Amino acid sequence: MAVHPSAVIEEGAQVDPSATVGPFCFVGPQVVLGPDVVLKSHVVITGQTTVGEGTVIFSFAVIGEIPQDLKFKGEASRLEIGKRNRIREHVTMNCGTEGGGGVTKVGDDGLFMAGCHIAHDAIVGNNVIVVNSAAVAGHCVIEDEVIIGGLSGIHQWVRIGRGAIIGAVTMVTNDVIPYGLVQAPRGHLDGLNLVGLKRRGVARADITALRAAFQMLAQGEGTFHDRAERLGAETESDYVREIIDFVLADSGRNFLTPK
């Protein structure tokens, strides 16, 4: 274990022998650092926080502090961070609250750019990118392979489906369907993340099915929910089915709908 002499590791912390703790870092007594974790310098990790193998945390990040929630009264809660994440300078990630299940979770292989925030009780999937100074509010669910553009804000309780992309300087106040493309200051669903789908090698037939499904959701008869149910009865595409299942699942918010 490589620990700089200026670092403070409080009694009770579990630090894997292969981890590196740089200058002026602070590691709290309930923290667990997995194999090959690297804390660059001036990193604060506190609370009941677990950091998975190979994650690198850069200077001045504050990880595992109490929630920015006035309802929080000091109850036990935790933060779980997965493997191989890159958490850049000044990032903040908070523990959970009793009202939200008591845990904030971050998956594997994410990139959290400088100054972004992951709030209490958020559930963040794998391969997620949160760009500089974006903020994910409490109780949000961010599924796998989502990209959130710089200076964007995700409202509390919002769900963002797998593979969606949020443009820069966008406020997202309602759920976003999988593979959706959201942009504009107040967050409009402007289409599908076709570039992301192509980069992941999704077959042309599946992309065609997704585009047809999007048009039906935008222009079909009845409510958005009605259109989704009707589409679910007709589709044979797994990708479209993923959108339908997302729309029909329980949610605390409405949806951003196609214009």
Protein backbone atom coordinates (compact mmCIF):
# COMPACT_ATOMS: atom_id res chain seq x y z
CA MET A 1 0.00 0.00 0.00
CA ALA A 2 1.43 3.36 -1.06
CA VAL A 3 0.29 6.04 1.37
CA HIS A 4 1.82 9.51 1.30
CA PRO A 5 3.04 10.65 4.73
CA SER A 6 0.71 13.66 4.65
CA ALA A 7 -2.42 11.54 4.10
CA VAL A 8 -4.79 10.77 6.98
CA ILE A 9 -6.35 7.32 7.13
CA GLU A 10 -8.57 7.01 10.19
CA GLU A 11 -8.67 3.87 12.28
CA GLY A 12 -11.23 1.42 10.96
CA ALA A 13 -10.77 2.25 7.28
CA GLN A 14 -10.13 -0.76 5.05
CA VAL A 15 -7.54 0.01 2.39
CA ASP A 16 -6.42 -2.73 0.04
CA PRO A 17 -2.63 -3.25 -0.02
CA SER A 18 -2.55 -2.40 -3.74
CA ALA A 19 -4.31 0.97 -3.31
CA THR A 20 -2.54 4.32 -3.56
CA VAL A 21 -3.39 7.26 -1.29
CA GLY A 22 -1.78 10.50 -2.40
CA PRO A 23 -0.73 13.66 -0.58
CA PHE A 24 -3.15 15.35 1.84
CA CYS A 25 -5.96 12.85 1.30
CA PHE A 26 -8.44 12.02 4.07
CA VAL A 27 -9.99 8.55 4.38
CA GLY A 28 -12.72 8.16 7.00
CA PRO A 29 -13.13 5.27 9.44
CA GLN A 30 -15.97 3.51 7.54
CA VAL A 31 -14.41 3.73 4.10
CA VAL A 32 -13.43 0.66 2.07
CA LEU A 33 -10.95 1.11 -0.80
CA GLY A 34 -10.69 -1.87 -3.14
CA PRO A 35 -7.72 -3.20 -5.12
CA ASP A 36 -5.77 -0.72 -7.26
CA VAL A 37 -7.87 2.27 -6.18
CA VAL A 38 -5.92 5.52 -6.62
CA LEU A 39 -6.56 8.75 -4.73
CA LYS A 40 -4.50 11.41 -6.48
CA SER A 41 -4.18 14.16 -3.82
CA HIS A 42 -6.40 16.28 -1.55
CA VAL A 43 -9.25 13.75 -1.89
CA VAL A 44 -11.79 13.47 0.92
CA ILE A 45 -13.62 10.14 1.28
CA THR A 46 -15.87 9.79 4.29
CA GLY A 47 -19.08 8.15 5.44
CA GLN A 48 -19.91 4.49 4.87
CA THR A 49 -18.37 4.48 1.41
CA THR A 50 -17.06 1.61 -0.72
CA VAL A 51 -14.87 2.27 -3.76
CA GLY A 52 -14.43 -0.55 -6.26
CA GLU A 53 -11.34 -1.96 -7.91
CA GLY A 54 -9.33 0.27 -10.24
CA THR A 55 -11.29 3.47 -9.61
CA VAL A 56 -9.22 6.65 -9.76
CA ILE A 57 -10.30 9.76 -7.87
CA PHE A 58 -8.69 13.10 -8.68
CA SER A 59 -7.82 16.10 -6.53
CA PHE A 60 -10.37 17.93 -4.38
CA ALA A 61 -13.19 15.43 -4.94
CA VAL A 62 -15.42 14.97 -1.87
CA ILE A 63 -16.94 11.50 -1.80
CA GLY A 64 -19.42 10.09 0.71
CA GLU A 65 -20.35 13.25 2.59
CA ILE A 66 -23.82 13.65 4.09
CA PRO A 67 -26.69 14.51 1.72
CA GLN A 68 -27.62 18.06 0.82
CA ASP A 69 -31.10 17.37 2.16
CA LEU A 70 -32.62 19.17 5.14
CA LYS A 71 -34.62 16.03 5.98
CA PHE A 72 -31.41 14.14 6.70
CA LYS A 73 -31.02 13.69 10.46
CA GLY A 74 -27.81 11.72 10.64
CA GLU A 75 -29.28 8.27 9.98
CA ALA A 76 -26.97 5.51 8.78
CA SER A 77 -26.62 5.49 4.99
CA ARG A 78 -23.98 4.59 2.46
CA LEU A 79 -22.39 5.19 -0.94
CA GLU A 80 -21.34 2.32 -3.20
CA ILE A 81 -19.00 3.06 -6.12
CA GLY A 82 -18.18 0.32 -8.61
CA LYS A 83 -15.06 -0.62 -10.54
CA ARG A 84 -12.80 1.32 -12.92
CA ASN A 85 -14.51 4.69 -12.57
CA ARG A 86 -12.72 7.96 -13.28
CA ILE A 87 -13.88 10.62 -10.85
CA ARG A 88 -12.31 13.94 -11.76
CA GLU A 89 -11.49 17.11 -9.85
CA HIS A 90 -14.08 18.68 -7.48
CA VAL A 91 -16.68 15.95 -8.04
CA THR A 92 -19.11 15.42 -5.16
CA MET A 93 -21.04 12.21 -4.45
CA ASN A 94 -23.30 11.94 -1.38
CA CYS A 95 -24.54 9.05 0.72
CA GLY A 96 -28.22 8.10 0.77
CA THR A 97 -31.10 9.01 3.06
CA GLU A 98 -33.59 6.97 5.03
CA GLY A 99 -36.42 8.20 2.81
CA GLY A 100 -34.64 7.06 -0.34
CA GLY A 101 -33.54 3.60 0.70
CA GLY A 102 -30.34 4.65 2.44
CA VAL A 103 -27.92 4.09 -0.43
CA THR A 104 -26.45 5.93 -3.41
CA LYS A 105 -25.02 3.58 -6.06
CA VAL A 106 -22.60 4.22 -8.91
CA GLY A 107 -21.86 1.40 -11.35
CA ASP A 108 -18.70 0.43 -13.23
CA ASP A 109 -16.59 2.16 -15.89
CA GLY A 110 -18.08 5.64 -15.49
CA LEU A 111 -16.48 8.99 -16.23
CA PHE A 112 -17.48 11.81 -13.92
CA MET A 113 -15.88 14.98 -15.20
CA ALA A 114 -14.73 17.93 -13.13
CA GLY A 115 -17.26 19.59 -10.87
CA CYS A 116 -20.22 17.26 -11.43
CA HIS A 117 -22.51 16.14 -8.61
CA ILE A 118 -24.27 12.85 -7.78
CA ALA A 119 -26.86 13.43 -5.05
CA HIS A 120 -28.33 11.22 -2.36
CA ASP A 121 -30.14 8.00 -3.29
CA ALA A 122 -29.29 8.30 -6.99
CA ILE A 123 -28.73 5.03 -8.85
CA VAL A 124 -26.20 5.39 -11.66
CA GLY A 125 -25.53 2.51 -14.06
CA ASN A 126 -22.46 1.33 -15.95
CA ASN A 127 -20.52 3.23 -18.63
CA VAL A 128 -22.19 6.53 -17.73
CA ILE A 129 -20.55 9.85 -18.61
CA VAL A 130 -21.45 12.96 -16.63
CA VAL A 131 -19.77 15.98 -18.17
CA ASN A 132 -18.31 18.99 -16.36
CA SER A 133 -20.52 20.78 -13.82
CA ALA A 134 -23.62 18.67 -14.50
CA ALA A 135 -25.78 17.77 -11.50
CA VAL A 136 -27.86 14.64 -10.86
CA ALA A 137 -30.41 15.33 -8.12
CA GLY A 138 -31.67 13.00 -5.41
CA HIS A 139 -33.50 9.74 -6.14
CA CYS A 140 -32.69 9.80 -9.88
CA VAL A 141 -32.09 6.61 -11.87
CA ILE A 142 -29.50 6.90 -14.63
CA GLU A 143 -29.35 3.67 -16.62
CA ASP A 144 -26.33 2.22 -18.46
CA GLU A 145 -24.50 4.09 -21.25
CA VAL A 146 -26.15 7.46 -20.63
CA ILE A 147 -24.29 10.69 -21.44
CA ILE A 148 -25.24 13.87 -19.55
CA GLY A 149 -23.88 17.04 -21.14
CA GLY A 150 -22.01 19.78 -19.36
CA LEU A 151 -23.85 22.25 -17.10
CA SER A 152 -27.03 20.15 -17.29
CA GLY A 153 -29.36 19.46 -14.38
CA ILE A 154 -31.40 16.30 -13.80
CA HIS A 155 -34.42 16.95 -11.57
CA GLN A 156 -35.05 14.78 -8.53
CA TRP A 157 -36.84 11.44 -9.11
CA VAL A 158 -36.20 11.54 -12.89
CA ARG A 159 -35.30 8.31 -14.70
CA ILE A 160 -33.09 8.37 -17.79
CA GLY A 161 -33.23 5.21 -19.88
CA ARG A 162 -30.28 3.26 -21.23
CA GLY A 163 -28.30 4.83 -24.05
CA ALA A 164 -29.96 8.24 -23.85
CA ILE A 165 -27.99 11.45 -24.37
CA ILE A 166 -28.66 14.80 -22.72
CA GLY A 167 -27.29 17.86 -24.49
CA ALA A 168 -25.28 20.54 -22.72
CA VAL A 169 -27.00 23.22 -20.61
CA THR A 170 -30.26 21.26 -20.43
CA MET A 171 -32.72 21.02 -17.53
CA VAL A 172 -34.41 17.60 -17.50
CA THR A 173 -37.60 17.60 -15.44
CA ASN A 174 -39.28 14.40 -16.67
CA ASP A 175 -38.30 10.83 -17.54
CA VAL A 176 -36.33 10.18 -20.74
CA ILE A 177 -36.98 7.05 -22.79
CA PRO A 178 -34.06 4.70 -23.58
CA TYR A 179 -31.94 5.93 -26.50
CA GLY A 180 -33.63 9.34 -26.40
CA LEU A 181 -31.93 12.57 -27.48
CA VAL A 182 -32.78 15.51 -25.20
CA GLN A 183 -31.66 19.09 -25.71
CA ALA A 184 -32.71 22.75 -25.32
CA PRO A 185 -32.75 24.72 -22.05
CA ARG A 186 -35.94 23.14 -20.73
CA GLY A 187 -35.27 19.69 -22.14
CA HIS A 188 -37.15 18.60 -25.27
CA LEU A 189 -37.12 15.05 -26.59
CA ASP A 190 -35.86 15.78 -30.10
CA GLY A 191 -35.24 12.29 -31.42
CA LEU A 192 -33.05 9.25 -30.80
CA ASN A 193 -29.37 8.99 -29.94
CA LEU A 194 -28.58 7.60 -33.39
CA VAL A 195 -24.87 8.39 -33.16
CA GLY A 196 -24.59 6.42 -29.93
CA LEU A 197 -26.53 3.49 -31.37
CA LYS A 198 -24.27 3.33 -34.41
CA ARG A 199 -21.13 3.58 -32.29
CA ARG A 200 -22.28 0.57 -30.29
CA GLY A 201 -22.80 -1.44 -33.46
CA VAL A 202 -26.59 -1.75 -33.20
CA ALA A 203 -27.92 -3.43 -36.36
CA ARG A 204 -29.55 -1.28 -39.03
CA ALA A 205 -32.81 -3.23 -38.69
CA ASP A 206 -32.99 -2.41 -34.98
CA ILE A 207 -32.27 1.27 -35.62
CA THR A 208 -35.02 1.31 -38.26
CA ALA A 209 -37.42 -0.27 -35.77
CA LEU A 210 -36.50 2.31 -33.15
CA ARG A 211 -37.08 5.20 -35.55
CA ALA A 212 -40.49 3.81 -36.54
CA ALA A 213 -41.38 3.36 -32.86
CA PHE A 214 -40.37 6.92 -32.08
CA GLN A 215 -42.62 8.22 -34.86
CA MET A 216 -45.53 6.17 -33.55
CA LEU A 217 -44.97 7.49 -30.03
CA ALA A 218 -44.87 11.02 -31.42
CA GLN A 219 -47.83 10.93 -33.80
CA GLY A 220 -50.12 8.05 -32.91
CA GLU A 221 -53.62 8.36 -31.49
CA GLY A 222 -54.37 8.53 -27.78
CA THR A 223 -52.12 9.46 -24.88
CA PHE A 224 -48.40 8.79 -24.79
CA HIS A 225 -49.08 5.85 -22.45
CA ASP A 226 -51.78 4.51 -24.79
CA ARG A 227 -49.43 4.68 -27.76
CA ALA A 228 -46.74 2.86 -25.82
CA GLU A 229 -49.12 0.05 -24.86
CA ARG A 230 -50.27 -0.33 -28.48
CA LEU A 231 -46.69 -0.34 -29.72
CA GLY A 232 -45.77 -2.97 -27.15
CA ALA A 233 -48.41 -5.30 -28.55
CA GLU A 234 -47.01 -4.96 -32.08
CA THR A 235 -43.21 -4.82 -31.82
CA GLU A 236 -40.78 -7.68 -32.22
CA SER A 237 -37.68 -5.57 -31.54
CA ASP A 238 -35.88 -6.04 -28.22
CA TYR A 239 -34.73 -2.43 -28.37
CA VAL A 240 -38.26 -1.12 -28.83
CA ARG A 241 -39.45 -3.46 -26.11
CA GLU A 242 -36.92 -1.85 -23.78
CA ILE A 243 -38.50 1.55 -24.41
CA ILE A 244 -42.00 0.17 -23.87
CA ASP A 245 -41.05 -1.52 -20.60
CA PHE A 246 -39.46 1.73 -19.43
CA VAL A 247 -42.55 3.79 -20.26
CA LEU A 248 -44.97 1.34 -18.64
CA ALA A 249 -42.93 0.96 -15.44
CA ASP A 250 -43.82 2.83 -12.26
CA SER A 251 -42.45 6.36 -12.12
CA GLY A 252 -42.76 9.39 -9.90
CA ARG A 253 -42.73 11.74 -12.88
CA ASN A 254 -44.20 12.25 -16.33
CA PHE A 255 -42.26 11.75 -19.54
CA LEU A 256 -40.54 14.02 -21.97
CA THR A 257 -42.57 13.26 -25.08
CA PRO A 258 -41.74 13.70 -28.78
CA LYS A 259 -42.80 17.00 -30.32
